[in-house]
Amino acid sequence: MTRALLVIDIQNDYFAGGALPLWQPEETEARIVSAIGRARASDDRIILVRHISLAPAGLFVAGSTGADIRKAILDAAGNAPVVTKHYADVFQETDLADHLAGVSELLVTGMMTQNCVVFTALSRAAEGLRVRIVGDLCTAPTETVHRIALNALGSKVEVATAVDVWA
């Protein structure tokens, strides 16, 4: 079984000083950096995702520092491919499917739980894959929103922890 760790939108705009700081972004980032190390040790594929807005202002504006993937994530992921998206669903109008050739299990992590994580995990393009959300490797604007989204996702796809995945 080949797995891929999908790391969605760990970008500066979601951290202090950014356009939309989330709940515990630094802690989530640190857990994801650790998970990337475990994924690499397990020979899991790692795919980074970056959202670039088509709007001239606001969140993730092309060319802005807010749209940059965090340095710690880039450093941990090494030469992992970066998929650029413009919509919540990472599959929509991207080359993600090309990076998933031969993959049977997709581990979904990132920002924001209630948006890009949900839309990607529930995408029709993910049908045929075992999709697992790694809940402790995701975050949202508030803890309540994060927990509600994970609870709702749990009725549709498996929600695991990093310990469950790399036990």
N, C-alpha and C. Protein backbone atom coordinates (compact mmCIF):
# COMPACT_ATOMS: atom_id res chain seq x y z
N MET A 1 0.85 -1.19 0.00
CA MET A 1 0.00 0.00 0.00
C MET A 1 0.89 1.24 0.00
N THR A 2 0.64 2.13 -0.93
CA THR A 2 1.39 3.38 -1.00
C THR A 2 0.52 4.49 -0.43
N ARG A 3 1.12 5.26 0.48
CA ARG A 3 0.40 6.37 1.10
C ARG A 3 1.01 7.69 0.66
N ALA A 4 0.15 8.72 0.72
CA ALA A 4 0.62 10.08 0.47
C ALA A 4 0.11 10.97 1.59
N LEU A 5 0.99 11.78 2.11
CA LEU A 5 0.66 12.79 3.11
C LEU A 5 0.44 14.11 2.38
N LEU A 6 -0.78 14.60 2.42
CA LEU A 6 -1.15 15.86 1.77
C LEU A 6 -1.16 16.95 2.82
N VAL A 7 -0.33 17.97 2.65
CA VAL A 7 -0.18 19.05 3.62
C VAL A 7 -0.74 20.32 2.98
N ILE A 8 -1.95 20.71 3.42
CA ILE A 8 -2.69 21.77 2.77
C ILE A 8 -2.48 23.14 3.43
N ASP A 9 -2.01 24.08 2.66
CA ASP A 9 -2.06 25.52 2.98
C ASP A 9 -1.42 25.94 4.31
N ILE A 10 -0.24 25.44 4.60
CA ILE A 10 0.46 25.92 5.79
C ILE A 10 1.23 27.17 5.34
N GLN A 11 0.47 28.27 5.25
CA GLN A 11 0.96 29.51 4.66
C GLN A 11 0.92 30.65 5.69
N ASN A 12 1.78 31.62 5.47
CA ASN A 12 1.96 32.72 6.43
C ASN A 12 0.68 33.46 6.80
N ASP A 13 -0.26 33.60 5.88
CA ASP A 13 -1.48 34.35 6.20
C ASP A 13 -2.29 33.73 7.33
N TYR A 14 -2.07 32.47 7.66
CA TYR A 14 -2.81 31.81 8.74
C TYR A 14 -2.12 31.93 10.10
N PHE A 15 -1.02 32.66 10.17
CA PHE A 15 -0.25 32.81 11.40
C PHE A 15 -0.31 34.26 11.89
N ALA A 16 0.15 34.48 13.11
CA ALA A 16 0.15 35.83 13.69
C ALA A 16 0.74 36.83 12.70
N GLY A 17 0.05 37.94 12.51
CA GLY A 17 0.48 38.97 11.57
C GLY A 17 -0.06 38.75 10.17
N GLY A 18 -0.67 37.61 9.93
CA GLY A 18 -1.23 37.31 8.61
C GLY A 18 -2.66 37.80 8.49
N ALA A 19 -3.24 37.59 7.34
CA ALA A 19 -4.59 38.08 7.04
C ALA A 19 -5.68 37.35 7.83
N LEU A 20 -5.45 36.09 8.22
CA LEU A 20 -6.47 35.30 8.92
C LEU A 20 -5.81 34.31 9.87
N PRO A 21 -5.29 34.78 11.01
CA PRO A 21 -4.65 33.87 11.95
C PRO A 21 -5.65 32.83 12.48
N LEU A 22 -5.20 31.59 12.54
CA LEU A 22 -6.05 30.49 13.00
C LEU A 22 -5.76 30.12 14.45
N TRP A 23 -6.53 29.18 14.96
CA TRP A 23 -6.37 28.65 16.31
C TRP A 23 -5.15 27.72 16.33
N GLN A 24 -4.20 28.00 17.17
CA GLN A 24 -2.99 27.20 17.39
C GLN A 24 -2.23 26.85 16.11
N PRO A 25 -1.96 27.82 15.26
CA PRO A 25 -1.26 27.48 14.02
C PRO A 25 0.18 27.00 14.25
N GLU A 26 0.89 27.59 15.20
CA GLU A 26 2.28 27.20 15.45
C GLU A 26 2.36 25.77 15.96
N GLU A 27 1.44 25.41 16.88
CA GLU A 27 1.43 24.05 17.42
C GLU A 27 1.10 23.04 16.32
N THR A 28 0.14 23.40 15.48
CA THR A 28 -0.24 22.52 14.37
C THR A 28 0.92 22.37 13.40
N GLU A 29 1.58 23.47 13.08
CA GLU A 29 2.74 23.42 12.19
C GLU A 29 3.82 22.51 12.76
N ALA A 30 4.11 22.62 14.05
CA ALA A 30 5.15 21.79 14.68
C ALA A 30 4.78 20.30 14.58
N ARG A 31 3.51 19.98 14.80
CA ARG A 31 3.08 18.58 14.68
C ARG A 31 3.20 18.09 13.23
N ILE A 32 2.89 18.96 12.28
CA ILE A 32 3.01 18.57 10.87
C ILE A 32 4.47 18.37 10.49
N VAL A 33 5.36 19.23 10.95
CA VAL A 33 6.79 19.06 10.67
C VAL A 33 7.25 17.69 11.19
N SER A 34 6.83 17.34 12.40
CA SER A 34 7.18 16.04 12.97
C SER A 34 6.59 14.90 12.12
N ALA A 35 5.35 15.06 11.70
CA ALA A 35 4.68 14.04 10.88
C ALA A 35 5.36 13.87 9.53
N ILE A 36 5.83 14.96 8.96
CA ILE A 36 6.56 14.87 7.69
C ILE A 36 7.80 13.99 7.87
N GLY A 37 8.48 14.16 8.98
CA GLY A 37 9.65 13.31 9.28
C GLY A 37 9.27 11.84 9.39
N ARG A 38 8.15 11.56 10.07
CA ARG A 38 7.69 10.17 10.18
C ARG A 38 7.25 9.63 8.82
N ALA A 39 6.61 10.47 8.02
CA ALA A 39 6.17 10.05 6.69
C ALA A 39 7.38 9.72 5.82
N ARG A 40 8.38 10.55 5.87
CA ARG A 40 9.59 10.30 5.08
C ARG A 40 10.25 9.00 5.51
N ALA A 41 10.30 8.76 6.83
CA ALA A 41 10.90 7.52 7.35
C ALA A 41 10.10 6.29 6.94
N SER A 42 8.81 6.47 6.69
CA SER A 42 7.93 5.36 6.27
C SER A 42 7.81 5.25 4.76
N ASP A 43 8.57 6.06 4.04
CA ASP A 43 8.51 6.09 2.57
C ASP A 43 7.15 6.49 2.03
N ASP A 44 6.41 7.28 2.80
CA ASP A 44 5.15 7.86 2.31
C ASP A 44 5.51 9.03 1.40
N ARG A 45 4.71 9.23 0.39
CA ARG A 45 4.88 10.42 -0.44
C ARG A 45 4.42 11.64 0.35
N ILE A 46 5.03 12.76 0.08
CA ILE A 46 4.64 14.02 0.71
C ILE A 46 4.30 14.99 -0.42
N ILE A 47 3.14 15.61 -0.29
CA ILE A 47 2.71 16.59 -1.28
C ILE A 47 2.27 17.84 -0.53
N LEU A 48 2.88 18.96 -0.85
CA LEU A 48 2.51 20.23 -0.24
C LEU A 48 1.50 20.93 -1.14
N VAL A 49 0.66 21.73 -0.51
CA VAL A 49 -0.35 22.49 -1.25
C VAL A 49 -0.27 23.94 -0.84
N ARG A 50 -0.42 24.81 -1.83
CA ARG A 50 -0.41 26.25 -1.58
C ARG A 50 -1.61 26.84 -2.31
N HIS A 51 -2.36 27.66 -1.58
CA HIS A 51 -3.50 28.36 -2.19
C HIS A 51 -3.01 29.72 -2.67
N ILE A 52 -3.30 30.04 -3.91
CA ILE A 52 -3.02 31.37 -4.45
C ILE A 52 -4.35 31.96 -4.89
N SER A 53 -4.67 33.11 -4.34
CA SER A 53 -5.93 33.77 -4.66
C SER A 53 -5.90 34.37 -6.05
N LEU A 54 -7.04 34.37 -6.68
CA LEU A 54 -7.18 35.04 -7.97
C LEU A 54 -7.58 36.51 -7.79
N ALA A 55 -7.87 36.89 -6.53
CA ALA A 55 -8.26 38.27 -6.23
C ALA A 55 -7.01 39.16 -6.10
N PRO A 56 -7.15 40.45 -6.35
CA PRO A 56 -5.99 41.35 -6.27
C PRO A 56 -5.61 41.73 -4.84
N ALA A 57 -6.48 41.44 -3.86
CA ALA A 57 -6.19 41.80 -2.47
C ALA A 57 -6.81 40.75 -1.55
N GLY A 58 -6.32 40.71 -0.30
CA GLY A 58 -6.86 39.80 0.70
C GLY A 58 -5.94 38.63 0.98
N LEU A 59 -6.53 37.51 1.32
CA LEU A 59 -5.83 36.29 1.71
C LEU A 59 -5.12 35.66 0.52
N PHE A 60 -3.87 35.28 0.70
CA PHE A 60 -3.08 34.51 -0.27
C PHE A 60 -2.92 35.18 -1.63
N VAL A 61 -2.70 36.47 -1.63
CA VAL A 61 -2.49 37.21 -2.88
C VAL A 61 -1.19 36.73 -3.52
N ALA A 62 -1.25 36.48 -4.80
CA ALA A 62 -0.07 36.03 -5.54
C ALA A 62 1.09 36.99 -5.32
N GLY A 63 2.26 36.42 -5.02
CA GLY A 63 3.46 37.22 -4.82
C GLY A 63 3.62 37.81 -3.44
N SER A 64 2.62 37.66 -2.57
CA SER A 64 2.73 38.21 -1.22
C SER A 64 3.42 37.23 -0.29
N THR A 65 4.01 37.74 0.80
CA THR A 65 4.62 36.86 1.78
C THR A 65 3.55 36.04 2.51
N GLY A 66 2.34 36.54 2.59
CA GLY A 66 1.25 35.80 3.21
C GLY A 66 0.92 34.52 2.47
N ALA A 67 1.17 34.49 1.17
CA ALA A 67 0.88 33.31 0.35
C ALA A 67 1.99 32.27 0.42
N ASP A 68 3.12 32.62 1.01
CA ASP A 68 4.25 31.69 1.07
C ASP A 68 3.98 30.54 2.03
N ILE A 69 4.39 29.34 1.61
CA ILE A 69 4.37 28.19 2.52
C ILE A 69 5.43 28.45 3.58
N ARG A 70 5.13 28.05 4.79
CA ARG A 70 6.04 28.28 5.92
C ARG A 70 7.38 27.56 5.70
N LYS A 71 8.45 28.24 6.09
CA LYS A 71 9.80 27.74 5.89
C LYS A 71 10.02 26.39 6.57
N ALA A 72 9.51 26.20 7.77
CA ALA A 72 9.70 24.93 8.48
C ALA A 72 9.09 23.77 7.71
N ILE A 73 7.96 24.01 7.07
CA ILE A 73 7.30 22.97 6.28
C ILE A 73 8.14 22.66 5.04
N LEU A 74 8.58 23.69 4.34
CA LEU A 74 9.41 23.49 3.15
C LEU A 74 10.69 22.75 3.49
N ASP A 75 11.33 23.15 4.60
CA ASP A 75 12.58 22.50 5.01
C ASP A 75 12.35 21.03 5.34
N ALA A 76 11.28 20.73 6.06
CA ALA A 76 11.00 19.35 6.44
C ALA A 76 10.66 18.48 5.23
N ALA A 77 9.96 19.06 4.26
CA ALA A 77 9.47 18.30 3.11
C ALA A 77 10.51 18.07 2.02
N GLY A 78 11.64 18.76 2.11
CA GLY A 78 12.69 18.56 1.12
C GLY A 78 12.21 18.89 -0.28
N ASN A 79 12.32 17.94 -1.18
CA ASN A 79 11.98 18.19 -2.59
C ASN A 79 10.55 17.75 -2.92
N ALA A 80 9.67 17.73 -1.93
CA ALA A 80 8.27 17.35 -2.18
C ALA A 80 7.64 18.30 -3.19
N PRO A 81 6.78 17.77 -4.04
CA PRO A 81 6.10 18.65 -5.00
C PRO A 81 5.14 19.60 -4.29
N VAL A 82 4.92 20.75 -4.92
CA VAL A 82 3.97 21.73 -4.40
C VAL A 82 2.87 21.89 -5.44
N VAL A 83 1.64 21.61 -5.01
CA VAL A 83 0.46 21.79 -5.86
C VAL A 83 -0.11 23.17 -5.56
N THR A 84 -0.32 23.97 -6.59
CA THR A 84 -0.93 25.28 -6.41
C THR A 84 -2.40 25.18 -6.77
N LYS A 85 -3.26 25.70 -5.88
CA LYS A 85 -4.70 25.63 -6.09
C LYS A 85 -5.32 27.02 -5.97
N HIS A 86 -6.54 27.11 -6.50
CA HIS A 86 -7.31 28.35 -6.41
C HIS A 86 -8.66 28.13 -5.76
N TYR A 87 -8.97 26.88 -5.42
CA TYR A 87 -10.26 26.51 -4.83
C TYR A 87 -10.02 25.68 -3.58
N ALA A 88 -11.05 25.49 -2.78
CA ALA A 88 -10.93 24.73 -1.54
C ALA A 88 -10.54 23.27 -1.80
N ASP A 89 -11.12 22.65 -2.80
CA ASP A 89 -10.83 21.26 -3.15
C ASP A 89 -9.48 21.22 -3.87
N VAL A 90 -8.51 20.56 -3.28
CA VAL A 90 -7.17 20.51 -3.87
C VAL A 90 -7.17 19.80 -5.22
N PHE A 91 -8.15 18.94 -5.46
CA PHE A 91 -8.22 18.25 -6.74
C PHE A 91 -8.70 19.16 -7.87
N GLN A 92 -9.46 20.20 -7.54
CA GLN A 92 -10.12 21.02 -8.55
C GLN A 92 -9.13 21.85 -9.35
N GLU A 93 -9.03 21.55 -10.64
CA GLU A 93 -8.19 22.29 -11.58
C GLU A 93 -6.72 22.36 -11.15
N THR A 94 -6.21 21.22 -10.62
CA THR A 94 -4.79 21.11 -10.25
C THR A 94 -4.23 19.81 -10.84
N ASP A 95 -2.95 19.60 -10.61
CA ASP A 95 -2.30 18.36 -11.05
C ASP A 95 -2.15 17.36 -9.90
N LEU A 96 -2.95 17.51 -8.83
CA LEU A 96 -2.82 16.60 -7.69
C LEU A 96 -2.95 15.14 -8.11
N ALA A 97 -3.90 14.82 -8.95
CA ALA A 97 -4.10 13.42 -9.36
C ALA A 97 -2.83 12.82 -9.96
N ASP A 98 -2.07 13.62 -10.69
CA ASP A 98 -0.81 13.12 -11.26
C ASP A 98 0.16 12.70 -10.16
N HIS A 99 0.20 13.46 -9.08
CA HIS A 99 1.11 13.15 -7.96
C HIS A 99 0.63 11.95 -7.15
N LEU A 100 -0.62 11.58 -7.32
CA LEU A 100 -1.19 10.46 -6.56
C LEU A 100 -1.20 9.14 -7.36
N ALA A 101 -0.61 9.12 -8.52
CA ALA A 101 -0.56 7.89 -9.31
C ALA A 101 0.08 6.78 -8.48
N GLY A 102 -0.61 5.65 -8.35
CA GLY A 102 -0.10 4.52 -7.58
C GLY A 102 -0.36 4.59 -6.09
N VAL A 103 -0.96 5.68 -5.62
CA VAL A 103 -1.28 5.84 -4.20
C VAL A 103 -2.62 5.20 -3.90
N SER A 104 -2.71 4.48 -2.79
CA SER A 104 -3.97 3.87 -2.38
C SER A 104 -4.57 4.55 -1.15
N GLU A 105 -3.73 5.23 -0.36
CA GLU A 105 -4.22 5.90 0.84
C GLU A 105 -3.76 7.35 0.87
N LEU A 106 -4.71 8.25 1.12
CA LEU A 106 -4.43 9.67 1.18
C LEU A 106 -4.64 10.16 2.60
N LEU A 107 -3.59 10.69 3.21
CA LEU A 107 -3.63 11.26 4.55
C LEU A 107 -3.76 12.77 4.39
N VAL A 108 -4.88 13.32 4.82
CA VAL A 108 -5.17 14.73 4.61
C VAL A 108 -4.91 15.51 5.89
N THR A 109 -4.10 16.56 5.78
CA THR A 109 -3.76 17.42 6.91
C THR A 109 -3.80 18.88 6.44
N GLY A 110 -3.84 19.80 7.39
CA GLY A 110 -3.65 21.19 7.02
C GLY A 110 -4.64 22.19 7.54
N MET A 111 -4.74 23.27 6.80
CA MET A 111 -5.51 24.43 7.20
C MET A 111 -6.45 24.78 6.06
N MET A 112 -7.66 24.98 6.24
CA MET A 112 -8.49 24.96 7.43
C MET A 112 -9.35 23.70 7.44
N THR A 113 -9.55 23.15 8.63
CA THR A 113 -10.29 21.91 8.79
C THR A 113 -11.65 21.98 8.11
N GLN A 114 -12.40 23.06 8.37
CA GLN A 114 -13.78 23.17 7.90
C GLN A 114 -13.89 23.56 6.43
N ASN A 115 -12.80 23.84 5.78
CA ASN A 115 -12.84 24.31 4.41
C ASN A 115 -12.04 23.38 3.49
N CYS A 116 -10.79 23.65 3.30
CA CYS A 116 -10.00 22.89 2.33
C CYS A 116 -9.85 21.43 2.71
N VAL A 117 -9.71 21.13 3.99
CA VAL A 117 -9.60 19.73 4.43
C VAL A 117 -10.89 19.00 4.10
N VAL A 118 -12.04 19.59 4.45
CA VAL A 118 -13.34 18.97 4.17
C VAL A 118 -13.54 18.77 2.68
N PHE A 119 -13.38 19.82 1.89
CA PHE A 119 -13.67 19.73 0.46
C PHE A 119 -12.74 18.76 -0.26
N THR A 120 -11.50 18.67 0.17
CA THR A 120 -10.57 17.73 -0.45
C THR A 120 -10.90 16.30 -0.06
N ALA A 121 -11.14 16.07 1.21
CA ALA A 121 -11.44 14.71 1.69
C ALA A 121 -12.72 14.16 1.08
N LEU A 122 -13.69 15.02 0.83
CA LEU A 122 -14.97 14.59 0.30
C LEU A 122 -15.08 14.74 -1.22
N SER A 123 -14.01 15.14 -1.86
CA SER A 123 -14.01 15.34 -3.32
C SER A 123 -14.31 14.04 -4.04
N ARG A 124 -15.10 14.14 -5.09
CA ARG A 124 -15.36 12.95 -5.93
C ARG A 124 -14.06 12.43 -6.54
N ALA A 125 -13.11 13.30 -6.74
CA ALA A 125 -11.83 12.88 -7.30
C ALA A 125 -11.04 11.99 -6.34
N ALA A 126 -11.40 11.97 -5.07
CA ALA A 126 -10.72 11.13 -4.08
C ALA A 126 -11.33 9.73 -4.00
N GLU A 127 -12.44 9.53 -4.70
CA GLU A 127 -13.07 8.20 -4.68
C GLU A 127 -12.08 7.18 -5.22
N GLY A 128 -12.05 6.03 -4.59
CA GLY A 128 -11.09 5.00 -4.96
C GLY A 128 -9.86 5.00 -4.07
N LEU A 129 -9.68 6.07 -3.30
CA LEU A 129 -8.59 6.14 -2.34
C LEU A 129 -9.13 5.91 -0.93
N ARG A 130 -8.32 5.32 -0.08
CA ARG A 130 -8.65 5.32 1.34
C ARG A 130 -8.24 6.70 1.85
N VAL A 131 -9.21 7.49 2.26
CA VAL A 131 -8.93 8.85 2.74
C VAL A 131 -9.02 8.85 4.25
N ARG A 132 -7.97 9.36 4.87
CA ARG A 132 -7.98 9.55 6.33
C ARG A 132 -7.58 10.98 6.63
N ILE A 133 -8.38 11.62 7.46
CA ILE A 133 -8.04 12.95 7.97
C ILE A 133 -7.20 12.73 9.22
N VAL A 134 -6.07 13.38 9.30
CA VAL A 134 -5.24 13.30 10.51
C VAL A 134 -5.60 14.54 11.33
N GLY A 135 -6.56 14.37 12.24
CA GLY A 135 -7.20 15.48 12.93
C GLY A 135 -6.28 16.37 13.73
N ASP A 136 -5.25 15.80 14.35
CA ASP A 136 -4.34 16.63 15.14
C ASP A 136 -3.32 17.36 14.27
N LEU A 137 -3.40 17.16 12.97
CA LEU A 137 -2.53 17.86 12.02
C LEU A 137 -3.34 18.85 11.19
N CYS A 138 -4.46 19.29 11.75
CA CYS A 138 -5.33 20.27 11.10
C CYS A 138 -5.70 21.35 12.12
N THR A 139 -6.15 22.49 11.62
CA THR A 139 -6.69 23.53 12.49
C THR A 139 -7.65 24.41 11.70
N ALA A 140 -8.34 25.27 12.45
CA ALA A 140 -9.40 26.12 11.89
C ALA A 140 -9.35 27.47 12.62
N PRO A 141 -10.28 28.38 12.30
CA PRO A 141 -10.26 29.68 12.98
C PRO A 141 -10.41 29.60 14.50
N THR A 142 -11.18 28.62 14.97
CA THR A 142 -11.36 28.43 16.41
C THR A 142 -11.34 26.94 16.72
N GLU A 143 -11.10 26.61 17.97
CA GLU A 143 -11.13 25.21 18.39
C GLU A 143 -12.50 24.60 18.15
N THR A 144 -13.56 25.36 18.43
CA THR A 144 -14.91 24.84 18.24
C THR A 144 -15.18 24.50 16.79
N VAL A 145 -14.81 25.37 15.87
CA VAL A 145 -15.00 25.11 14.44
C VAL A 145 -14.21 23.87 14.03
N HIS A 146 -12.98 23.76 14.51
CA HIS A 146 -12.14 22.60 14.20
C HIS A 146 -12.80 21.30 14.66
N ARG A 147 -13.26 21.28 15.90
CA ARG A 147 -13.85 20.05 16.46
C ARG A 147 -15.19 19.70 15.78
N ILE A 148 -15.99 20.71 15.48
CA ILE A 148 -17.26 20.46 14.77
C ILE A 148 -16.98 19.86 13.39
N ALA A 149 -16.01 20.41 12.68
CA ALA A 149 -15.67 19.91 11.35
C ALA A 149 -15.17 18.47 11.41
N LEU A 150 -14.30 18.16 12.37
CA LEU A 150 -13.81 16.78 12.50
C LEU A 150 -14.94 15.83 12.83
N ASN A 151 -15.83 16.25 13.72
CA ASN A 151 -16.97 15.41 14.08
C ASN A 151 -17.84 15.12 12.86
N ALA A 152 -18.12 16.14 12.07
CA ALA A 152 -18.93 15.96 10.88
C ALA A 152 -18.22 15.07 9.86
N LEU A 153 -16.93 15.28 9.67
CA LEU A 153 -16.16 14.46 8.74
C LEU A 153 -16.16 12.99 9.14
N GLY A 154 -16.16 12.74 10.44
CA GLY A 154 -16.11 11.38 10.95
C GLY A 154 -17.26 10.50 10.49
N SER A 155 -18.35 11.10 10.05
CA SER A 155 -19.47 10.30 9.53
C SER A 155 -19.27 9.94 8.06
N LYS A 156 -18.27 10.53 7.42
CA LYS A 156 -18.03 10.30 5.98
C LYS A 156 -16.70 9.63 5.68
N VAL A 157 -15.65 9.99 6.42
CA VAL A 157 -14.32 9.43 6.22
C VAL A 157 -13.69 9.16 7.59
N GLU A 158 -12.64 8.37 7.58
CA GLU A 158 -11.95 8.06 8.83
C GLU A 158 -11.18 9.29 9.32
N VAL A 159 -11.30 9.56 10.61
CA VAL A 159 -10.51 10.61 11.26
C VAL A 159 -9.57 9.90 12.22
N ALA A 160 -8.28 10.14 12.05
CA ALA A 160 -7.25 9.48 12.85
C ALA A 160 -6.38 10.54 13.53
N THR A 161 -5.43 10.08 14.32
CA THR A 161 -4.40 10.95 14.88
C THR A 161 -3.07 10.54 14.25
N ALA A 162 -2.07 11.38 14.40
CA ALA A 162 -0.75 11.06 13.87
C ALA A 162 -0.22 9.78 14.53
N VAL A 163 -0.50 9.59 15.80
CA VAL A 163 -0.05 8.36 16.49
C VAL A 163 -0.69 7.14 15.85
N ASP A 164 -1.99 7.24 15.50
CA ASP A 164 -2.68 6.12 14.82
C ASP A 164 -2.00 5.79 13.50
N VAL A 165 -1.64 6.81 12.75
CA VAL A 165 -1.11 6.62 11.39
C VAL A 165 0.30 6.04 11.41
N TRP A 166 1.15 6.57 12.28
CA TRP A 166 2.55 6.14 12.30
C TRP A 166 2.90 5.39 13.58
N ALA A 167 2.01 4.49 14.01
CA ALA A 167 2.23 3.71 15.24
C ALA A 167 3.35 2.71 15.07
